[in-house]
Amino acid sequence: MNNTYKLTLTAMMIAIGTLSSSLIVIPIGFTKIFPVQHFLNVISAVLLGPYYAVAQAFGVSLLRNLMGTGSVFAFPGSMVGALLAALLFWKTRKLFMAFLGEVIGTGILGALLSYPIATLLLGQEATLFGFIPLFIFSSFAGALLGFIILGIFLKKNVLFSTKEDAVQHDQN
């Protein structure tokens, strides 16, 4: 997969994430749960790798915040989740590890990184582990959907037009 293709696919995912953020968002407290982001993180982690996955997560988070459909907590949650999902997948080549990386990266690590943002930058009262249940719920739902769809596509060989593309993807 060449860089132009990866960049185009990343831009398409950013567009999907940004457009769907005004349709599918669940406000809980001062966070806004957005399972589509976690779905996109798993997809980009598997198809594009860590750099593009993090770029996709950053792009969607930035645009959601600029449009008022996201919160500042989208940055640590989505970016750490995308990075860990991509790194675990690319290290093991197991689709389940991308799912697990997204849930752990967003649900636990991203939630813990959101605590100082809430308390120091926003002046909100928050508990250290208060974000974890919300982030795990959102990341689990979205990552599971991404895991299921990618699993179906990989079994049906939908993602690659030729066997050489599939082999090239496995080598990257």
N, C-alpha and C. Protein backbone atom coordinates (compact mmCIF):
# COMPACT_ATOMS: atom_id res chain seq x y z
N MET A 1 0.85 -1.17 0.00
CA MET A 1 0.00 0.00 0.00
C MET A 1 0.90 1.24 0.00
N ASN A 2 0.78 2.08 -1.01
CA ASN A 2 1.65 3.25 -1.08
C ASN A 2 1.15 4.37 -0.16
N ASN A 3 2.00 5.36 0.06
CA ASN A 3 1.69 6.43 1.01
C ASN A 3 0.50 7.28 0.58
N THR A 4 0.33 7.49 -0.72
CA THR A 4 -0.81 8.28 -1.19
C THR A 4 -2.12 7.57 -0.85
N TYR A 5 -2.14 6.27 -1.03
CA TYR A 5 -3.32 5.48 -0.70
C TYR A 5 -3.60 5.54 0.81
N LYS A 6 -2.55 5.41 1.61
CA LYS A 6 -2.72 5.45 3.07
C LYS A 6 -3.21 6.82 3.52
N LEU A 7 -2.67 7.87 2.94
CA LEU A 7 -3.09 9.22 3.29
C LEU A 7 -4.55 9.46 2.89
N THR A 8 -4.93 8.97 1.72
CA THR A 8 -6.31 9.12 1.27
C THR A 8 -7.27 8.35 2.17
N LEU A 9 -6.91 7.14 2.53
CA LEU A 9 -7.75 6.34 3.41
C LEU A 9 -7.86 6.99 4.80
N THR A 10 -6.76 7.55 5.28
CA THR A 10 -6.77 8.26 6.56
C THR A 10 -7.71 9.46 6.49
N ALA A 11 -7.63 10.24 5.41
CA ALA A 11 -8.51 11.39 5.25
C ALA A 11 -9.97 10.98 5.18
N MET A 12 -10.26 9.87 4.52
CA MET A 12 -11.64 9.37 4.46
C MET A 12 -12.14 8.98 5.85
N MET A 13 -11.27 8.33 6.63
CA MET A 13 -11.67 7.95 7.99
C MET A 13 -11.89 9.18 8.87
N ILE A 14 -11.06 10.20 8.69
CA ILE A 14 -11.26 11.45 9.44
C ILE A 14 -12.60 12.06 9.07
N ALA A 15 -12.92 12.05 7.79
CA ALA A 15 -14.21 12.60 7.34
C ALA A 15 -15.39 11.81 7.92
N ILE A 16 -15.29 10.50 7.90
CA ILE A 16 -16.35 9.66 8.47
C ILE A 16 -16.50 9.93 9.96
N GLY A 17 -15.39 9.98 10.66
CA GLY A 17 -15.43 10.24 12.10
C GLY A 17 -16.00 11.60 12.43
N THR A 18 -15.62 12.60 11.65
CA THR A 18 -16.10 13.96 11.90
C THR A 18 -17.59 14.08 11.60
N LEU A 19 -18.02 13.55 10.47
CA LEU A 19 -19.43 13.64 10.11
C LEU A 19 -20.33 12.86 11.06
N SER A 20 -19.89 11.68 11.45
CA SER A 20 -20.72 10.86 12.32
C SER A 20 -20.72 11.35 13.77
N SER A 21 -19.80 12.25 14.11
CA SER A 21 -19.74 12.73 15.50
C SER A 21 -20.93 13.61 15.87
N SER A 22 -21.60 14.15 14.88
CA SER A 22 -22.80 14.92 15.19
C SER A 22 -24.04 14.04 15.23
N LEU A 23 -23.90 12.79 14.83
CA LEU A 23 -25.03 11.87 14.81
C LEU A 23 -25.00 10.85 15.94
N ILE A 24 -23.81 10.35 16.26
CA ILE A 24 -23.68 9.25 17.21
C ILE A 24 -22.75 9.69 18.34
N VAL A 25 -23.29 10.35 19.33
CA VAL A 25 -22.50 10.76 20.48
C VAL A 25 -23.38 10.64 21.73
N ILE A 26 -22.79 10.19 22.82
CA ILE A 26 -23.52 9.99 24.06
C ILE A 26 -22.89 10.87 25.13
N PRO A 27 -23.52 12.00 25.48
CA PRO A 27 -22.94 12.85 26.52
C PRO A 27 -23.18 12.25 27.91
N ILE A 28 -22.10 12.05 28.65
CA ILE A 28 -22.18 11.56 30.03
C ILE A 28 -21.24 12.43 30.86
N GLY A 29 -21.81 13.20 31.77
CA GLY A 29 -21.00 14.11 32.57
C GLY A 29 -20.35 15.14 31.67
N PHE A 30 -19.04 15.38 31.87
CA PHE A 30 -18.35 16.32 31.00
C PHE A 30 -17.55 15.62 29.91
N THR A 31 -17.90 14.36 29.64
CA THR A 31 -17.31 13.64 28.51
C THR A 31 -18.39 13.38 27.47
N LYS A 32 -17.96 13.08 26.28
CA LYS A 32 -18.87 12.73 25.20
C LYS A 32 -18.37 11.42 24.60
N ILE A 33 -19.11 10.36 24.83
CA ILE A 33 -18.71 9.03 24.38
C ILE A 33 -19.03 8.89 22.89
N PHE A 34 -18.05 8.41 22.14
CA PHE A 34 -18.15 8.33 20.69
C PHE A 34 -17.57 7.01 20.19
N PRO A 35 -18.38 5.93 20.17
CA PRO A 35 -17.86 4.61 19.78
C PRO A 35 -17.31 4.54 18.36
N VAL A 36 -17.76 5.41 17.47
CA VAL A 36 -17.28 5.39 16.09
C VAL A 36 -15.77 5.63 16.04
N GLN A 37 -15.27 6.47 16.95
CA GLN A 37 -13.83 6.73 16.99
C GLN A 37 -13.05 5.46 17.25
N HIS A 38 -13.52 4.62 18.11
CA HIS A 38 -12.81 3.39 18.46
C HIS A 38 -12.91 2.37 17.32
N PHE A 39 -14.04 2.38 16.65
CA PHE A 39 -14.20 1.57 15.44
C PHE A 39 -13.16 1.98 14.41
N LEU A 40 -13.03 3.28 14.17
CA LEU A 40 -12.06 3.79 13.20
C LEU A 40 -10.62 3.53 13.65
N ASN A 41 -10.39 3.60 14.95
CA ASN A 41 -9.04 3.32 15.45
C ASN A 41 -8.60 1.90 15.13
N VAL A 42 -9.48 0.94 15.34
CA VAL A 42 -9.15 -0.46 15.05
C VAL A 42 -8.93 -0.65 13.55
N ILE A 43 -9.82 -0.08 12.75
CA ILE A 43 -9.69 -0.21 11.30
C ILE A 43 -8.36 0.39 10.82
N SER A 44 -8.07 1.62 11.26
CA SER A 44 -6.84 2.26 10.80
C SER A 44 -5.59 1.60 11.38
N ALA A 45 -5.69 1.08 12.59
CA ALA A 45 -4.55 0.38 13.18
C ALA A 45 -4.17 -0.84 12.36
N VAL A 46 -5.17 -1.59 11.92
CA VAL A 46 -4.92 -2.82 11.16
C VAL A 46 -4.52 -2.51 9.72
N LEU A 47 -5.22 -1.59 9.09
CA LEU A 47 -4.97 -1.34 7.67
C LEU A 47 -3.80 -0.41 7.40
N LEU A 48 -3.54 0.53 8.32
CA LEU A 48 -2.59 1.60 8.00
C LEU A 48 -1.35 1.65 8.87
N GLY A 49 -1.41 1.12 10.06
CA GLY A 49 -0.26 1.17 10.95
C GLY A 49 -0.31 2.31 11.94
N PRO A 50 0.70 2.38 12.81
CA PRO A 50 0.64 3.31 13.94
C PRO A 50 0.63 4.79 13.56
N TYR A 51 1.44 5.21 12.60
CA TYR A 51 1.52 6.64 12.27
C TYR A 51 0.18 7.16 11.75
N TYR A 52 -0.38 6.45 10.81
CA TYR A 52 -1.64 6.90 10.22
C TYR A 52 -2.80 6.71 11.20
N ALA A 53 -2.75 5.70 12.03
CA ALA A 53 -3.81 5.50 13.03
C ALA A 53 -3.85 6.66 14.02
N VAL A 54 -2.68 7.07 14.49
CA VAL A 54 -2.61 8.20 15.42
C VAL A 54 -3.01 9.49 14.71
N ALA A 55 -2.59 9.66 13.47
CA ALA A 55 -2.97 10.85 12.70
C ALA A 55 -4.48 10.91 12.51
N GLN A 56 -5.09 9.78 12.23
CA GLN A 56 -6.54 9.70 12.08
C GLN A 56 -7.23 10.07 13.38
N ALA A 57 -6.76 9.51 14.50
CA ALA A 57 -7.36 9.80 15.80
C ALA A 57 -7.21 11.28 16.16
N PHE A 58 -6.05 11.84 15.88
CA PHE A 58 -5.82 13.26 16.16
C PHE A 58 -6.72 14.13 15.28
N GLY A 59 -6.81 13.80 14.01
CA GLY A 59 -7.63 14.58 13.08
C GLY A 59 -9.09 14.61 13.47
N VAL A 60 -9.64 13.44 13.80
CA VAL A 60 -11.04 13.38 14.21
C VAL A 60 -11.24 14.13 15.53
N SER A 61 -10.34 13.95 16.47
CA SER A 61 -10.46 14.64 17.77
C SER A 61 -10.41 16.15 17.59
N LEU A 62 -9.49 16.62 16.77
CA LEU A 62 -9.36 18.05 16.54
C LEU A 62 -10.61 18.63 15.89
N LEU A 63 -11.09 17.99 14.83
CA LEU A 63 -12.26 18.50 14.14
C LEU A 63 -13.52 18.41 15.01
N ARG A 64 -13.64 17.35 15.80
CA ARG A 64 -14.79 17.25 16.71
C ARG A 64 -14.76 18.37 17.73
N ASN A 65 -13.60 18.69 18.25
CA ASN A 65 -13.50 19.78 19.22
C ASN A 65 -13.78 21.13 18.58
N LEU A 66 -13.29 21.34 17.37
CA LEU A 66 -13.56 22.59 16.67
C LEU A 66 -15.04 22.76 16.35
N MET A 67 -15.72 21.65 16.08
CA MET A 67 -17.15 21.70 15.78
C MET A 67 -18.03 21.70 17.03
N GLY A 68 -17.45 21.43 18.18
CA GLY A 68 -18.23 21.40 19.41
C GLY A 68 -18.91 20.07 19.67
N THR A 69 -18.56 19.04 18.93
CA THR A 69 -19.17 17.72 19.14
C THR A 69 -18.27 16.78 19.94
N GLY A 70 -17.12 17.27 20.36
CA GLY A 70 -16.20 16.45 21.13
C GLY A 70 -15.74 17.18 22.37
N SER A 71 -14.97 16.51 23.17
CA SER A 71 -14.39 17.12 24.36
C SER A 71 -12.87 16.96 24.28
N VAL A 72 -12.18 17.70 25.10
CA VAL A 72 -10.72 17.66 25.11
C VAL A 72 -10.20 16.26 25.48
N PHE A 73 -11.05 15.47 26.11
CA PHE A 73 -10.66 14.11 26.51
C PHE A 73 -10.55 13.16 25.32
N ALA A 74 -11.01 13.61 24.17
CA ALA A 74 -10.91 12.78 22.96
C ALA A 74 -9.45 12.60 22.55
N PHE A 75 -8.62 13.58 22.82
CA PHE A 75 -7.22 13.50 22.38
C PHE A 75 -6.46 12.37 23.08
N PRO A 76 -6.35 12.36 24.41
CA PRO A 76 -5.56 11.26 25.00
C PRO A 76 -6.21 9.91 24.80
N GLY A 77 -7.54 9.86 24.88
CA GLY A 77 -8.22 8.57 24.74
C GLY A 77 -8.03 7.96 23.38
N SER A 78 -8.37 8.71 22.36
CA SER A 78 -8.34 8.13 21.01
C SER A 78 -6.92 7.91 20.50
N MET A 79 -6.02 8.83 20.79
CA MET A 79 -4.67 8.70 20.25
C MET A 79 -3.88 7.57 20.90
N VAL A 80 -4.00 7.43 22.20
CA VAL A 80 -3.30 6.33 22.89
C VAL A 80 -3.90 4.99 22.46
N GLY A 81 -5.22 4.95 22.35
CA GLY A 81 -5.88 3.72 21.91
C GLY A 81 -5.46 3.31 20.51
N ALA A 82 -5.43 4.28 19.59
CA ALA A 82 -5.03 3.98 18.20
C ALA A 82 -3.58 3.50 18.15
N LEU A 83 -2.72 4.16 18.90
CA LEU A 83 -1.31 3.77 18.91
C LEU A 83 -1.11 2.36 19.46
N LEU A 84 -1.71 2.08 20.60
CA LEU A 84 -1.54 0.75 21.20
C LEU A 84 -2.18 -0.34 20.34
N ALA A 85 -3.32 -0.06 19.75
CA ALA A 85 -3.96 -1.04 18.86
C ALA A 85 -3.06 -1.35 17.68
N ALA A 86 -2.50 -0.32 17.07
CA ALA A 86 -1.62 -0.53 15.91
C ALA A 86 -0.35 -1.26 16.29
N LEU A 87 0.27 -0.86 17.39
CA LEU A 87 1.52 -1.51 17.80
C LEU A 87 1.31 -2.98 18.14
N LEU A 88 0.25 -3.28 18.87
CA LEU A 88 -0.01 -4.68 19.22
C LEU A 88 -0.35 -5.50 17.99
N PHE A 89 -1.14 -4.93 17.07
CA PHE A 89 -1.48 -5.68 15.87
C PHE A 89 -0.24 -5.91 15.01
N TRP A 90 0.55 -4.88 14.79
CA TRP A 90 1.70 -5.02 13.91
C TRP A 90 2.78 -5.89 14.52
N LYS A 91 2.81 -6.01 15.83
CA LYS A 91 3.78 -6.89 16.49
C LYS A 91 3.34 -8.34 16.42
N THR A 92 2.03 -8.60 16.61
CA THR A 92 1.53 -9.98 16.70
C THR A 92 0.81 -10.48 15.45
N ARG A 93 0.31 -9.55 14.62
CA ARG A 93 -0.51 -9.88 13.45
C ARG A 93 -1.82 -10.58 13.83
N LYS A 94 -2.28 -10.34 15.03
CA LYS A 94 -3.54 -10.91 15.51
C LYS A 94 -4.57 -9.80 15.61
N LEU A 95 -5.70 -9.98 14.96
CA LEU A 95 -6.75 -8.98 14.96
C LEU A 95 -7.27 -8.71 16.37
N PHE A 96 -7.31 -9.76 17.17
CA PHE A 96 -7.78 -9.61 18.55
C PHE A 96 -6.89 -8.65 19.33
N MET A 97 -5.61 -8.61 19.01
CA MET A 97 -4.69 -7.73 19.72
C MET A 97 -4.95 -6.26 19.39
N ALA A 98 -5.44 -5.98 18.19
CA ALA A 98 -5.83 -4.61 17.85
C ALA A 98 -7.03 -4.20 18.70
N PHE A 99 -7.98 -5.11 18.83
CA PHE A 99 -9.15 -4.87 19.68
C PHE A 99 -8.71 -4.63 21.12
N LEU A 100 -7.88 -5.50 21.63
CA LEU A 100 -7.41 -5.40 23.01
C LEU A 100 -6.60 -4.12 23.22
N GLY A 101 -5.75 -3.78 22.26
CA GLY A 101 -4.95 -2.57 22.36
C GLY A 101 -5.82 -1.32 22.41
N GLU A 102 -6.87 -1.30 21.62
CA GLU A 102 -7.79 -0.14 21.64
C GLU A 102 -8.50 -0.03 22.98
N VAL A 103 -8.98 -1.13 23.50
CA VAL A 103 -9.71 -1.10 24.78
C VAL A 103 -8.78 -0.72 25.93
N ILE A 104 -7.60 -1.30 25.97
CA ILE A 104 -6.65 -0.96 27.05
C ILE A 104 -6.10 0.45 26.85
N GLY A 105 -5.73 0.79 25.62
CA GLY A 105 -5.16 2.10 25.35
C GLY A 105 -6.12 3.23 25.64
N THR A 106 -7.35 3.10 25.19
CA THR A 106 -8.35 4.15 25.44
C THR A 106 -9.00 3.97 26.80
N GLY A 107 -9.46 2.77 27.06
CA GLY A 107 -10.26 2.53 28.26
C GLY A 107 -9.52 2.69 29.56
N ILE A 108 -8.23 2.39 29.57
CA ILE A 108 -7.47 2.50 30.82
C ILE A 108 -6.43 3.62 30.72
N LEU A 109 -5.51 3.51 29.77
CA LEU A 109 -4.43 4.51 29.69
C LEU A 109 -4.95 5.90 29.33
N GLY A 110 -5.81 5.97 28.31
CA GLY A 110 -6.38 7.25 27.92
C GLY A 110 -7.24 7.86 29.03
N ALA A 111 -7.97 7.00 29.75
CA ALA A 111 -8.78 7.48 30.86
C ALA A 111 -7.91 8.05 31.97
N LEU A 112 -6.81 7.37 32.26
CA LEU A 112 -5.90 7.87 33.30
C LEU A 112 -5.23 9.18 32.88
N LEU A 113 -4.93 9.32 31.60
CA LEU A 113 -4.35 10.57 31.10
C LEU A 113 -5.36 11.72 31.10
N SER A 114 -6.63 11.39 31.11
CA SER A 114 -7.66 12.43 31.12
C SER A 114 -7.85 13.05 32.49
N TYR A 115 -7.45 12.35 33.52
CA TYR A 115 -7.60 12.87 34.89
C TYR A 115 -6.87 14.19 35.09
N PRO A 116 -5.57 14.29 34.76
CA PRO A 116 -4.91 15.59 34.95
C PRO A 116 -5.51 16.70 34.08
N ILE A 117 -6.01 16.34 32.92
CA ILE A 117 -6.65 17.35 32.07
C ILE A 117 -7.89 17.90 32.77
N ALA A 118 -8.67 17.01 33.36
CA ALA A 118 -9.89 17.44 34.03
C ALA A 118 -9.59 18.27 35.27
N THR A 119 -8.65 17.84 36.06
CA THR A 119 -8.40 18.52 37.33
C THR A 119 -7.51 19.75 37.18
N LEU A 120 -6.43 19.66 36.42
CA LEU A 120 -5.49 20.77 36.33
C LEU A 120 -5.88 21.81 35.29
N LEU A 121 -6.27 21.36 34.12
CA LEU A 121 -6.56 22.31 33.04
C LEU A 121 -8.00 22.83 33.08
N LEU A 122 -8.94 21.96 33.37
CA LEU A 122 -10.35 22.38 33.35
C LEU A 122 -10.89 22.75 34.73
N GLY A 123 -10.16 22.40 35.78
CA GLY A 123 -10.61 22.71 37.13
C GLY A 123 -11.84 21.93 37.57
N GLN A 124 -12.11 20.82 36.93
CA GLN A 124 -13.26 19.98 37.28
C GLN A 124 -12.87 19.00 38.39
N GLU A 125 -13.83 18.69 39.22
CA GLU A 125 -13.58 17.64 40.21
C GLU A 125 -13.75 16.29 39.53
N ALA A 126 -12.76 15.46 39.68
CA ALA A 126 -12.79 14.12 39.07
C ALA A 126 -11.99 13.18 39.95
N THR A 127 -12.34 11.91 39.88
CA THR A 127 -11.56 10.91 40.58
C THR A 127 -10.59 10.28 39.59
N LEU A 128 -9.50 9.78 40.10
CA LEU A 128 -8.46 9.21 39.23
C LEU A 128 -9.02 8.11 38.33
N PHE A 129 -9.86 7.27 38.87
CA PHE A 129 -10.38 6.14 38.09
C PHE A 129 -11.81 6.40 37.60
N GLY A 130 -12.29 7.62 37.69
CA GLY A 130 -13.66 7.94 37.30
C GLY A 130 -13.91 7.85 35.81
N PHE A 131 -12.91 8.07 34.98
CA PHE A 131 -13.09 8.02 33.54
C PHE A 131 -13.06 6.59 32.98
N ILE A 132 -12.46 5.69 33.71
CA ILE A 132 -12.24 4.34 33.19
C ILE A 132 -13.53 3.63 32.77
N PRO A 133 -14.58 3.58 33.59
CA PRO A 133 -15.79 2.87 33.14
C PRO A 133 -16.39 3.47 31.86
N LEU A 134 -16.41 4.79 31.77
CA LEU A 134 -16.98 5.44 30.58
C LEU A 134 -16.14 5.15 29.35
N PHE A 135 -14.83 5.28 29.48
CA PHE A 135 -13.94 5.07 28.34
C PHE A 135 -13.92 3.60 27.93
N ILE A 136 -13.96 2.69 28.89
CA ILE A 136 -13.97 1.26 28.55
C ILE A 136 -15.25 0.89 27.81
N PHE A 137 -16.38 1.41 28.28
CA PHE A 137 -17.66 1.12 27.63
C PHE A 137 -17.62 1.57 26.17
N SER A 138 -17.20 2.80 25.95
CA SER A 138 -17.16 3.36 24.60
C SER A 138 -16.16 2.62 23.72
N SER A 139 -14.96 2.40 24.24
CA SER A 139 -13.93 1.75 23.43
C SER A 139 -14.27 0.29 23.15
N PHE A 140 -14.86 -0.38 24.12
CA PHE A 140 -15.23 -1.78 23.91
C PHE A 140 -16.27 -1.90 22.80
N ALA A 141 -17.29 -1.06 22.84
CA ALA A 141 -18.36 -1.12 21.83
C ALA A 141 -17.82 -0.85 20.44
N GLY A 142 -17.06 0.22 20.27
CA GLY A 142 -16.53 0.57 18.96
C GLY A 142 -15.47 -0.41 18.47
N ALA A 143 -14.58 -0.82 19.35
CA ALA A 143 -13.51 -1.75 18.96
C ALA A 143 -14.09 -3.11 18.59
N LEU A 144 -15.12 -3.54 19.30
CA LEU A 144 -15.76 -4.81 18.97
C LEU A 144 -16.37 -4.77 17.58
N LEU A 145 -17.02 -3.68 17.25
CA LEU A 145 -17.59 -3.53 15.91
C LEU A 145 -16.49 -3.56 14.85
N GLY A 146 -15.39 -2.85 15.09
CA GLY A 146 -14.26 -2.88 14.16
C GLY A 146 -13.66 -4.27 14.02
N PHE A 147 -13.53 -4.98 15.14
CA PHE A 147 -13.00 -6.34 15.16
C PHE A 147 -13.88 -7.27 14.33
N ILE A 148 -15.18 -7.18 14.52
CA ILE A 148 -16.12 -8.05 13.80
C ILE A 148 -16.08 -7.76 12.30
N ILE A 149 -16.15 -6.50 11.94
CA ILE A 149 -16.17 -6.14 10.51
C ILE A 149 -14.85 -6.51 9.83
N LEU A 150 -13.73 -6.20 10.47
CA LEU A 150 -12.44 -6.58 9.89
C LEU A 150 -12.31 -8.09 9.77
N GLY A 151 -12.79 -8.82 10.78
CA GLY A 151 -12.74 -10.28 10.73
C GLY A 151 -13.51 -10.83 9.54
N ILE A 152 -14.68 -10.27 9.30
CA ILE A 152 -15.49 -10.71 8.15
C ILE A 152 -14.78 -10.36 6.84
N PHE A 153 -14.29 -9.13 6.74
CA PHE A 153 -13.62 -8.69 5.52
C PHE A 153 -12.36 -9.50 5.24
N LEU A 154 -11.59 -9.81 6.26
CA LEU A 154 -10.37 -10.58 6.06
C LEU A 154 -10.68 -12.02 5.65
N LYS A 155 -11.73 -12.61 6.23
CA LYS A 155 -12.11 -13.98 5.84
C LYS A 155 -12.60 -14.04 4.40
N LYS A 156 -13.32 -13.01 3.99
CA LYS A 156 -13.86 -12.98 2.63
C LYS A 156 -12.87 -12.40 1.63
N ASN A 157 -11.70 -11.98 2.10
CA ASN A 157 -10.65 -11.40 1.26
C ASN A 157 -11.15 -10.15 0.52
N VAL A 158 -11.97 -9.36 1.18
CA VAL A 158 -12.55 -8.16 0.60
C VAL A 158 -11.55 -7.00 0.59
N LEU A 159 -10.65 -6.97 1.55
CA LEU A 159 -9.76 -5.82 1.70
C LEU A 159 -8.65 -5.74 0.67
N PHE A 160 -8.34 -6.84 0.03
CA PHE A 160 -7.24 -6.86 -0.91
C PHE A 160 -7.72 -7.34 -2.27
N SER A 161 -7.29 -6.63 -3.31
CA SER A 161 -7.74 -6.98 -4.65
C SER A 161 -6.96 -8.17 -5.22
N THR A 162 -5.72 -8.35 -4.80
CA THR A 162 -4.92 -9.47 -5.29
C THR A 162 -4.21 -10.14 -4.12
N LYS A 163 -3.73 -11.32 -4.36
CA LYS A 163 -2.98 -12.05 -3.34
C LYS A 163 -1.69 -11.31 -3.00
N GLU A 164 -1.10 -10.62 -3.99
CA GLU A 164 0.12 -9.87 -3.75
C GLU A 164 -0.12 -8.73 -2.76
N ASP A 165 -1.31 -8.08 -2.84
CA ASP A 165 -1.65 -7.02 -1.89
C ASP A 165 -1.74 -7.58 -0.48
N ALA A 166 -2.33 -8.75 -0.34
CA ALA A 166 -2.46 -9.38 0.98
C ALA A 166 -1.08 -9.73 1.54
N VAL A 167 -0.20 -10.26 0.68
CA VAL A 167 1.14 -10.60 1.12
C VAL A 167 1.90 -9.33 1.50
N GLN A 168 1.76 -8.27 0.69
CA GLN A 168 2.43 -7.01 0.99
C GLN A 168 1.94 -6.43 2.32
N HIS A 169 0.64 -6.56 2.58
CA HIS A 169 0.09 -6.07 3.87
C HIS A 169 0.69 -6.85 5.03
N ASP A 170 0.84 -8.16 4.86
CA ASP A 170 1.41 -8.97 5.92
C ASP A 170 2.88 -8.65 6.17
N GLN A 171 3.59 -8.21 5.14
CA GLN A 171 5.01 -7.89 5.29
C GLN A 171 5.23 -6.53 5.95
N ASN A 172 4.27 -5.62 5.81
CA ASN A 172 4.41 -4.28 6.43
C ASN A 172 4.16 -4.40 7.85
